[in-house]
Amino acid sequence: MEGKRRIVQCAERTSLTLGSDAVEAAGLAFLGGRLANGPEGPSGEHAGSYFDRPVRTQLKPVYDGVRRSLSELNLGLKDLVRVDAAVTKRDHVSSYREQRRRYLSGPLPTSTAVRVDNLLGRTSVIQLTPIAADPSVHGEMHAVESDAMAVYSRDAFSKGLVCGNWLFVSGATASAHSRSVKNSQGLADEAWVDENYWAQSPVKVQSGYVLLEKIRGVLKAAGHGLENIVRANIFLTDCERDLGPFWETWLDIFDGAPPATIITPIDGLGLVAARIEISVVAYKVRDDIVKVVSDTPDESLPGCPVAVRAGGLVWCSSVAGSPLQPPQPRSGIDELYSAVERLERVLARAGSSIDDLVFVGMHADRASRGGDFVKALRSRSTTELPAIASTGSGAPFYGPSLTLCLDAVAVTG
């Protein structure tokens, strides 16, 4: 126990565990990115071998590790409310979904699944990043059903999950509800545009459809509205192409006052034609939602709060390092330290600090930079590290000289 955070450090830790195994705060337990093996791989397995079915092999030790960490908090797999997956090949998603029923039961957690370029281990093909809820704090959870969001794999995940005042909504793309659509891309007809016409923007149309049709439908079924969203995770396959038009739509939908927003460049989504996937976390007590704004441009996305406080937690918007300026580029280490310093300023504005962090996700061009990120974080922290996840993306970031961004959650100071 450490102040408002409860830290878990299991005896069985792999060489790829970057921070604490789990951190509990405000009745939610955040686990770091879970990988199955060390850099050399177990028993000489090769991630690239189709016959090894590496996802099936790696999921068991991953879930075993998650179970051990949760047990230290008197929780179990049944208490998971969210399990995000990053895979290195698109085809791994089907194996992942097929295997989940072996480990999960009851109200299934919400989820996103995206493809990234690389993970920490040489043979690692899947990373899970779970969140669990303590029923003694939030009561029993229940799944939310809504016709607004179709799920083809009914046993794969819940569309939405309510635990106390919190609502977690699974990631959604602009996929069609059925196979009988006019276009051949699997997109909902309302989200399809003819890209032969330059005036039409696929990402704008897809963003509006996903948020206003799918996600708002799940929110409504749980008694929430768009104004209850405290954090949104945005996954873009091409920031260079789509970030500008997406952001125009995003600010317009929220009338210039969006929630905390995490924008993550990724290498692929479940639907090939999808430009974007969105998942959200909402909080029912609107009067307790406080948006923290900054008048310092480099601390926030334009028009976006740097963080949102709700339910005893601080949910930060994306934090990036300062650009690497040619013709005298700084090192990648400098960019990491710059990002951590910016995160520290954001947390201070929200009434929190680096020492109050419960989770940090580092999304960079290389997941292997996670070790340097830990060094940068330790340089500013005086206590145990938070849970940490690290992924590597080959997709472009927010600008030609940016190579990483941070996704952070802290307990209120």
Protein backbone atom coordinates (compact mmCIF):
# COMPACT_ATOMS: atom_id res chain seq x y z
CA MET A 1 0.00 0.00 0.00
CA GLU A 2 1.33 3.46 -0.89
CA GLY A 3 -0.96 6.41 -0.14
CA LYS A 4 -3.97 6.25 -2.42
CA ARG A 5 -2.31 3.62 -4.60
CA ARG A 6 -1.92 -0.06 -3.83
CA ILE A 7 1.10 -1.51 -5.61
CA VAL A 8 1.49 -5.16 -6.59
CA GLN A 9 4.91 -6.64 -7.34
CA CYS A 10 4.62 -10.38 -7.94
CA ALA A 11 7.52 -12.72 -7.21
CA GLU A 12 7.33 -14.24 -10.71
CA ARG A 13 8.22 -11.36 -13.02
CA THR A 14 9.53 -11.55 -16.57
CA SER A 15 12.36 -9.49 -17.98
CA LEU A 16 9.73 -7.54 -19.93
CA THR A 17 7.82 -6.21 -16.90
CA LEU A 18 8.60 -2.50 -17.13
CA GLY A 19 6.79 -1.12 -14.09
CA SER A 20 4.61 -2.47 -11.30
CA ASP A 21 2.60 -5.62 -12.03
CA ALA A 22 -0.61 -3.89 -10.98
CA VAL A 23 -1.70 -0.68 -9.30
CA GLU A 24 -5.09 -0.30 -7.61
CA ALA A 25 -6.64 3.12 -7.07
CA ALA A 26 -10.21 4.27 -6.57
CA GLY A 27 -11.44 0.69 -6.80
CA LEU A 28 -9.92 0.06 -10.25
CA ALA A 29 -6.86 -2.11 -10.84
CA PHE A 30 -4.60 -1.22 -13.76
CA LEU A 31 -2.20 -3.88 -15.02
CA GLY A 32 0.81 -3.20 -17.19
CA GLY A 33 1.25 -4.65 -20.67
CA ARG A 34 1.38 -8.44 -20.34
CA LEU A 35 3.66 -10.49 -22.56
CA ALA A 36 4.25 -14.20 -22.43
CA ASN A 37 7.98 -14.54 -22.78
CA GLY A 38 11.42 -13.05 -22.56
CA PRO A 39 13.46 -11.68 -25.46
CA GLU A 40 14.64 -15.12 -26.65
CA GLY A 41 11.23 -16.81 -26.49
CA PRO A 42 10.21 -19.97 -24.61
CA SER A 43 11.65 -23.26 -25.86
CA GLY A 44 12.95 -21.68 -29.06
CA GLU A 45 9.52 -20.81 -30.45
CA HIS A 46 9.41 -18.55 -33.47
CA ALA A 47 6.67 -15.95 -33.72
CA GLY A 48 6.67 -16.19 -37.48
CA SER A 49 5.78 -19.88 -37.67
CA TYR A 50 2.17 -20.47 -38.63
CA PHE A 51 2.22 -24.04 -37.27
CA ASP A 52 3.26 -22.90 -33.80
CA ARG A 53 -0.02 -20.96 -33.44
CA PRO A 54 1.94 -18.61 -31.14
CA VAL A 55 -1.12 -16.72 -29.85
CA ARG A 56 -2.57 -19.89 -28.36
CA THR A 57 0.79 -20.74 -26.79
CA GLN A 58 1.37 -17.28 -25.38
CA LEU A 59 -2.09 -16.56 -24.02
CA LYS A 60 -1.91 -19.14 -21.24
CA PRO A 61 1.14 -17.65 -19.47
CA VAL A 62 -0.27 -14.17 -20.07
CA TYR A 63 -3.57 -14.98 -18.38
CA ASP A 64 -1.77 -16.93 -15.64
CA GLY A 65 0.26 -13.82 -14.88
CA VAL A 66 -2.84 -11.61 -14.90
CA ARG A 67 -4.54 -14.04 -12.51
CA ARG A 68 -1.60 -13.95 -10.09
CA SER A 69 -1.48 -10.15 -10.04
CA LEU A 70 -5.22 -9.82 -9.49
CA SER A 71 -5.15 -12.39 -6.69
CA GLU A 72 -2.79 -10.10 -4.76
CA LEU A 73 -5.66 -7.58 -4.77
CA ASN A 74 -8.25 -10.24 -3.85
CA LEU A 75 -9.62 -10.04 -7.39
CA GLY A 76 -9.91 -12.55 -10.23
CA LEU A 77 -10.40 -12.78 -13.98
CA LYS A 78 -14.15 -12.44 -13.41
CA ASP A 79 -13.51 -8.87 -12.24
CA LEU A 80 -11.92 -7.70 -15.51
CA VAL A 81 -13.78 -4.77 -17.08
CA ARG A 82 -11.44 -4.12 -19.96
CA VAL A 83 -8.76 -6.11 -21.81
CA ASP A 84 -7.05 -4.33 -24.68
CA ALA A 85 -4.99 -6.42 -27.07
CA ALA A 86 -2.13 -5.48 -29.39
CA VAL A 87 -1.08 -8.09 -31.93
CA THR A 88 1.74 -8.09 -34.45
CA LYS A 89 -0.29 -9.73 -37.23
CA ARG A 90 -3.90 -9.17 -38.15
CA ASP A 91 -4.55 -12.92 -38.37
CA HIS A 92 -3.67 -13.34 -34.69
CA VAL A 93 -6.94 -11.67 -33.66
CA SER A 94 -9.09 -14.65 -34.65
CA SER A 95 -6.93 -17.03 -32.57
CA TYR A 96 -7.07 -14.59 -29.66
CA ARG A 97 -10.87 -14.39 -29.70
CA GLU A 98 -11.26 -18.13 -30.05
CA GLN A 99 -9.16 -18.71 -26.94
CA ARG A 100 -10.69 -16.10 -24.64
CA ARG A 101 -13.56 -18.33 -23.54
CA ARG A 102 -11.02 -20.70 -22.03
CA TYR A 103 -10.08 -18.06 -19.48
CA LEU A 104 -13.07 -15.72 -19.11
CA SER A 105 -16.63 -16.22 -17.92
CA GLY A 106 -19.58 -14.20 -16.66
CA PRO A 107 -19.95 -10.65 -17.98
CA LEU A 108 -17.12 -10.52 -20.48
CA PRO A 109 -14.77 -7.53 -20.34
CA THR A 110 -14.89 -4.80 -22.95
CA SER A 111 -12.08 -4.76 -25.45
CA THR A 112 -10.16 -3.29 -28.33
CA ALA A 113 -7.82 -5.25 -30.59
CA VAL A 114 -5.37 -3.48 -32.88
CA ARG A 115 -2.32 -4.42 -34.91
CA VAL A 116 1.04 -2.88 -34.03
CA ASP A 117 4.42 -3.17 -35.69
CA ASN A 118 6.39 -4.55 -32.74
CA LEU A 119 6.27 -5.53 -29.06
CA LEU A 120 9.01 -5.82 -26.45
CA GLY A 121 9.96 -9.47 -26.89
CA ARG A 122 11.52 -10.78 -30.09
CA THR A 123 8.96 -13.60 -30.26
CA SER A 124 6.06 -11.79 -28.60
CA VAL A 125 3.01 -11.68 -30.85
CA ILE A 126 0.34 -10.44 -28.42
CA GLN A 127 0.18 -8.05 -25.48
CA LEU A 128 -2.80 -7.67 -23.17
CA THR A 129 -3.41 -4.57 -21.06
CA PRO A 130 -6.18 -5.30 -18.51
CA ILE A 131 -8.24 -3.22 -16.09
CA ALA A 132 -10.28 -4.79 -13.27
CA ALA A 133 -12.89 -3.38 -10.89
CA ASP A 134 -13.23 -4.21 -7.20
CA PRO A 135 -16.84 -5.31 -6.56
CA SER A 136 -16.52 -4.35 -2.89
CA VAL A 137 -16.12 -0.74 -4.09
CA HIS A 138 -18.23 -0.58 -7.26
CA GLY A 139 -20.70 -3.43 -6.76
CA GLU A 140 -21.38 -6.21 -9.24
CA MET A 141 -20.82 -5.35 -12.87
CA HIS A 142 -23.35 -5.93 -15.63
CA ALA A 143 -23.12 -5.95 -19.41
CA VAL A 144 -24.89 -3.38 -21.58
CA GLU A 145 -26.80 -4.52 -24.64
CA SER A 146 -27.60 -2.23 -27.54
CA ASP A 147 -28.59 -2.86 -31.15
CA ALA A 148 -26.44 0.15 -32.05
CA MET A 149 -23.28 -1.96 -31.87
CA ALA A 150 -23.26 -5.33 -33.58
CA VAL A 151 -20.96 -8.07 -32.38
CA TYR A 152 -20.39 -10.93 -34.80
CA SER A 153 -18.35 -12.97 -32.30
CA ARG A 154 -20.92 -12.97 -29.48
CA ASP A 155 -18.52 -14.71 -27.14
CA ALA A 156 -15.68 -12.28 -27.73
CA PHE A 157 -16.45 -9.22 -25.59
CA SER A 158 -19.17 -7.06 -24.05
CA LYS A 159 -20.29 -3.96 -25.91
CA GLY A 160 -20.40 -2.04 -22.66
CA LEU A 161 -19.82 -2.89 -19.01
CA VAL A 162 -21.15 -0.97 -16.02
CA CYS A 163 -19.40 -1.11 -12.64
CA GLY A 164 -20.72 1.44 -10.17
CA ASN A 165 -20.61 4.88 -11.77
CA TRP A 166 -18.16 3.74 -14.45
CA LEU A 167 -19.07 2.60 -17.94
CA PHE A 168 -16.47 1.00 -20.21
CA VAL A 169 -17.37 0.77 -23.92
CA SER A 170 -15.59 -1.55 -26.34
CA GLY A 171 -13.75 -0.21 -29.36
CA ALA A 172 -15.88 0.24 -32.47
CA THR A 173 -15.11 0.78 -36.14
CA ALA A 174 -17.46 1.78 -38.95
CA SER A 175 -18.18 -1.86 -39.80
CA ALA A 176 -21.65 -2.75 -41.07
CA HIS A 177 -24.25 -4.44 -38.87
CA SER A 178 -24.76 -7.12 -41.52
CA ARG A 179 -23.07 -8.49 -44.61
CA SER A 180 -25.78 -7.10 -46.91
CA VAL A 181 -24.32 -3.69 -47.66
CA LYS A 182 -24.01 -1.81 -50.91
CA ASN A 183 -20.24 -1.38 -50.74
CA SER A 184 -17.72 -4.20 -50.88
CA GLN A 185 -15.56 -2.98 -48.01
CA GLY A 186 -17.70 -4.14 -45.08
CA LEU A 187 -18.39 -0.54 -44.03
CA ALA A 188 -21.84 0.56 -42.92
CA ASP A 189 -23.53 2.28 -45.84
CA GLU A 190 -23.86 5.42 -43.71
CA ALA A 191 -20.07 5.44 -43.21
CA TRP A 192 -19.02 4.78 -46.79
CA VAL A 193 -17.89 7.49 -49.16
CA ASP A 194 -16.69 7.39 -52.73
CA GLU A 195 -13.02 8.34 -52.47
CA ASN A 196 -12.98 9.32 -56.14
CA TYR A 197 -14.41 12.65 -54.98
CA TRP A 198 -11.79 14.67 -53.19
CA ALA A 199 -14.35 16.68 -51.21
CA GLN A 200 -15.45 13.62 -49.26
CA SER A 201 -13.46 12.62 -46.18
CA PRO A 202 -13.64 8.93 -45.16
CA VAL A 203 -12.27 9.54 -41.67
CA LYS A 204 -14.77 12.34 -40.99
CA VAL A 205 -17.71 10.20 -42.00
CA GLN A 206 -16.43 7.15 -40.14
CA SER A 207 -15.70 9.16 -36.98
CA GLY A 208 -19.19 10.63 -36.87
CA TYR A 209 -20.84 7.27 -37.53
CA VAL A 210 -18.84 5.39 -34.88
CA LEU A 211 -19.36 7.97 -32.15
CA LEU A 212 -22.90 9.18 -32.85
CA GLU A 213 -24.44 5.87 -33.89
CA LYS A 214 -22.56 3.02 -32.27
CA ILE A 215 -20.99 4.41 -29.11
CA ARG A 216 -23.81 6.82 -28.30
CA GLY A 217 -26.23 3.90 -28.59
CA VAL A 218 -24.34 1.94 -25.92
CA LEU A 219 -24.05 5.05 -23.74
CA LYS A 220 -27.80 5.63 -24.01
CA ALA A 221 -28.59 2.03 -23.08
CA ALA A 222 -26.60 2.54 -19.86
CA GLY A 223 -28.23 5.89 -19.04
CA HIS A 224 -25.26 7.96 -20.17
CA GLY A 225 -24.72 10.60 -22.85
CA LEU A 226 -21.75 11.99 -24.75
CA GLU A 227 -21.26 14.49 -21.94
CA ASN A 228 -20.49 11.59 -19.55
CA ILE A 229 -17.39 10.53 -21.52
CA VAL A 230 -14.25 11.25 -19.51
CA ARG A 231 -11.72 9.61 -21.82
CA ALA A 232 -11.73 8.48 -25.45
CA ASN A 233 -9.09 6.29 -27.08
CA ILE A 234 -8.71 7.05 -30.78
CA PHE A 235 -6.78 4.59 -32.95
CA LEU A 236 -5.75 5.96 -36.36
CA THR A 237 -4.07 3.96 -39.10
CA ASP A 238 -2.56 7.07 -40.71
CA CYS A 239 -2.22 10.21 -38.59
CA GLU A 240 -0.44 12.04 -41.38
CA ARG A 241 -3.48 11.65 -43.62
CA ASP A 242 -6.39 11.63 -41.18
CA LEU A 243 -5.54 13.47 -37.96
CA GLY A 244 -6.55 16.94 -39.24
CA PRO A 245 -9.97 16.02 -40.66
CA PHE A 246 -10.70 13.75 -37.70
CA TRP A 247 -9.92 16.53 -35.24
CA GLU A 248 -12.27 18.95 -37.01
CA THR A 249 -15.09 16.43 -36.66
CA TRP A 250 -14.18 15.60 -33.06
CA LEU A 251 -14.29 19.23 -31.90
CA ASP A 252 -17.51 19.83 -33.82
CA ILE A 253 -19.30 16.85 -32.24
CA PHE A 254 -18.34 17.97 -28.74
CA ASP A 255 -18.97 21.65 -29.50
CA GLY A 256 -15.33 22.49 -28.83
CA ALA A 257 -15.20 20.73 -25.43
CA PRO A 258 -14.13 17.10 -25.98
CA PRO A 259 -13.17 14.67 -23.20
CA ALA A 260 -9.60 13.66 -22.47
CA THR A 261 -8.47 12.22 -25.79
CA ILE A 262 -5.75 9.67 -26.50
CA ILE A 263 -4.69 9.47 -30.15
CA THR A 264 -2.67 6.35 -30.90
CA PRO A 265 -1.09 5.59 -34.29
CA ILE A 266 -1.53 1.88 -35.07
CA ASP A 267 -0.72 -0.37 -38.01
CA GLY A 268 -4.08 -1.97 -38.64
CA LEU A 269 -7.66 -2.56 -37.49
CA GLY A 270 -10.02 -5.52 -37.66
CA LEU A 271 -11.74 -4.00 -40.68
CA VAL A 272 -9.27 -3.28 -43.47
CA ALA A 273 -11.26 -0.30 -44.79
CA ALA A 274 -11.57 1.25 -41.32
CA ARG A 275 -9.60 4.45 -40.85
CA ILE A 276 -10.41 4.76 -37.14
CA GLU A 277 -11.48 2.87 -34.02
CA ILE A 278 -12.90 4.59 -30.95
CA SER A 279 -13.42 3.32 -27.41
CA VAL A 280 -14.53 5.35 -24.40
CA VAL A 281 -14.77 5.42 -20.62
CA ALA A 282 -17.73 7.29 -19.12
CA TYR A 283 -18.71 8.37 -15.60
CA LYS A 284 -22.31 8.69 -14.51
CA VAL A 285 -22.10 11.62 -12.05
CA ARG A 286 -21.73 14.57 -14.42
CA ASP A 287 -21.19 17.12 -11.64
CA ASP A 288 -18.08 15.20 -10.60
CA ILE A 289 -16.48 15.42 -14.06
CA VAL A 290 -13.92 18.24 -14.14
CA LYS A 291 -12.09 19.13 -17.35
CA VAL A 292 -8.62 20.56 -16.78
CA VAL A 293 -7.55 23.01 -19.45
CA SER A 294 -4.23 24.68 -20.17
CA ASP A 295 -3.32 27.90 -21.94
CA THR A 296 0.09 26.47 -22.80
CA PRO A 297 -0.13 25.15 -26.39
CA ASP A 298 2.53 22.46 -26.09
CA GLU A 299 0.75 20.77 -23.17
CA SER A 300 -2.45 19.82 -24.97
CA LEU A 301 -4.12 18.88 -28.21
CA PRO A 302 -5.75 22.02 -29.70
CA GLY A 303 -9.11 22.67 -28.02
CA CYS A 304 -8.76 19.60 -25.78
CA PRO A 305 -8.46 19.44 -21.98
CA VAL A 306 -5.07 18.21 -20.80
CA ALA A 307 -6.89 15.91 -18.39
CA VAL A 308 -10.27 15.06 -16.91
CA ARG A 309 -10.85 14.33 -13.21
CA ALA A 310 -13.62 11.90 -12.29
CA GLY A 311 -14.20 9.24 -9.66
CA GLY A 312 -10.93 9.90 -7.85
CA LEU A 313 -8.83 9.47 -11.00
CA VAL A 314 -7.09 11.77 -13.49
CA TRP A 315 -7.41 10.68 -17.13
CA CYS A 316 -4.82 12.49 -19.27
CA SER A 317 -5.02 13.39 -22.94
CA SER A 318 -2.14 12.36 -25.21
CA VAL A 319 1.21 13.70 -24.13
CA ALA A 320 3.99 13.86 -26.72
CA GLY A 321 7.61 14.85 -26.52
CA SER A 322 8.78 18.02 -28.19
CA PRO A 323 9.61 17.57 -31.90
CA LEU A 324 13.10 16.49 -32.87
CA GLN A 325 14.32 19.56 -34.70
CA PRO A 326 16.49 19.15 -37.81
CA PRO A 327 19.14 19.91 -38.86
CA GLN A 328 20.42 19.23 -35.32
CA PRO A 329 18.15 16.43 -34.15
CA ARG A 330 18.15 15.53 -30.53
CA SER A 331 18.33 11.92 -29.42
CA GLY A 332 15.31 9.74 -28.81
CA ILE A 333 16.23 9.83 -25.12
CA ASP A 334 15.72 13.60 -25.15
CA GLU A 335 12.24 13.16 -26.58
CA LEU A 336 11.34 10.67 -23.84
CA TYR A 337 12.52 13.01 -21.10
CA SER A 338 10.63 15.86 -22.75
CA ALA A 339 7.42 13.80 -22.78
CA VAL A 340 7.81 12.86 -19.11
CA GLU A 341 8.40 16.50 -18.17
CA ARG A 342 5.26 17.53 -20.06
CA LEU A 343 3.30 14.77 -18.35
CA GLU A 344 4.51 16.07 -15.01
CA ARG A 345 3.19 19.57 -15.85
CA VAL A 346 -0.15 18.16 -16.99
CA LEU A 347 -0.57 16.18 -13.77
CA ALA A 348 0.31 19.24 -11.70
CA ARG A 349 -2.45 21.22 -13.44
CA ALA A 350 -4.86 18.40 -12.55
CA GLY A 351 -3.82 18.44 -8.89
CA SER A 352 -1.76 15.27 -9.14
CA SER A 353 1.87 14.27 -9.69
CA ILE A 354 4.19 11.71 -11.24
CA ASP A 355 4.15 9.83 -7.95
CA ASP A 356 0.35 9.46 -8.26
CA LEU A 357 0.46 7.64 -11.62
CA VAL A 358 -1.33 4.30 -11.75
CA PHE A 359 -0.81 3.52 -15.45
CA VAL A 360 1.21 4.83 -18.38
CA GLY A 361 1.08 3.50 -21.93
CA MET A 362 4.03 4.43 -24.15
CA HIS A 363 3.33 4.25 -27.88
CA ALA A 364 6.50 4.76 -29.86
CA ASP A 365 8.16 3.85 -33.12
CA ARG A 366 9.86 1.00 -31.22
CA ALA A 367 8.50 -0.84 -28.20
CA SER A 368 12.10 -1.49 -27.11
CA ARG A 369 12.30 2.16 -26.04
CA GLY A 370 10.28 1.11 -22.99
CA GLY A 371 13.49 0.58 -21.00
CA ASP A 372 14.62 4.15 -21.66
CA PHE A 373 11.13 5.37 -20.79
CA VAL A 374 11.41 3.70 -17.39
CA LYS A 375 14.71 5.53 -16.82
CA ALA A 376 13.09 8.86 -17.74
CA LEU A 377 10.16 8.17 -15.42
CA ARG A 378 12.43 7.18 -12.55
CA SER A 379 14.30 10.47 -12.93
CA ARG A 380 11.11 12.34 -11.96
CA SER A 381 9.56 9.86 -9.52
CA THR A 382 10.38 9.15 -5.87
CA THR A 383 8.11 6.13 -5.40
CA GLU A 384 7.25 2.80 -7.02
CA LEU A 385 6.55 3.00 -10.73
CA PRO A 386 3.02 2.68 -12.13
CA ALA A 387 1.85 -0.16 -14.36
CA ILE A 388 3.40 0.38 -17.81
CA ALA A 389 2.63 -0.87 -21.32
CA SER A 390 4.80 -0.34 -24.40
CA THR A 391 3.96 -0.83 -28.08
CA GLY A 392 5.77 0.04 -31.29
CA SER A 393 4.09 1.44 -34.38
CA GLY A 394 5.29 1.74 -37.95
CA ALA A 395 2.48 4.21 -38.67
CA PRO A 396 3.19 7.98 -38.67
CA PHE A 397 2.76 9.95 -35.45
CA TYR A 398 1.44 13.51 -35.09
CA GLY A 399 4.22 15.07 -37.12
CA PRO A 400 7.27 14.06 -39.15
CA SER A 401 9.64 14.57 -36.22
CA LEU A 402 7.51 13.03 -33.43
CA THR A 403 8.07 9.38 -32.59
CA LEU A 404 6.12 8.74 -29.37
CA CYS A 405 3.15 9.66 -27.21
CA LEU A 406 1.99 8.78 -23.70
CA ASP A 407 -1.37 7.64 -22.32
CA ALA A 408 -1.58 8.18 -18.56
CA VAL A 409 -3.97 7.67 -15.65
CA ALA A 410 -3.28 8.91 -12.13
CA VAL A 411 -5.04 9.01 -8.78
CA THR A 412 -6.08 12.47 -7.61
CA GLY A 413 -3.51 14.01 -5.30
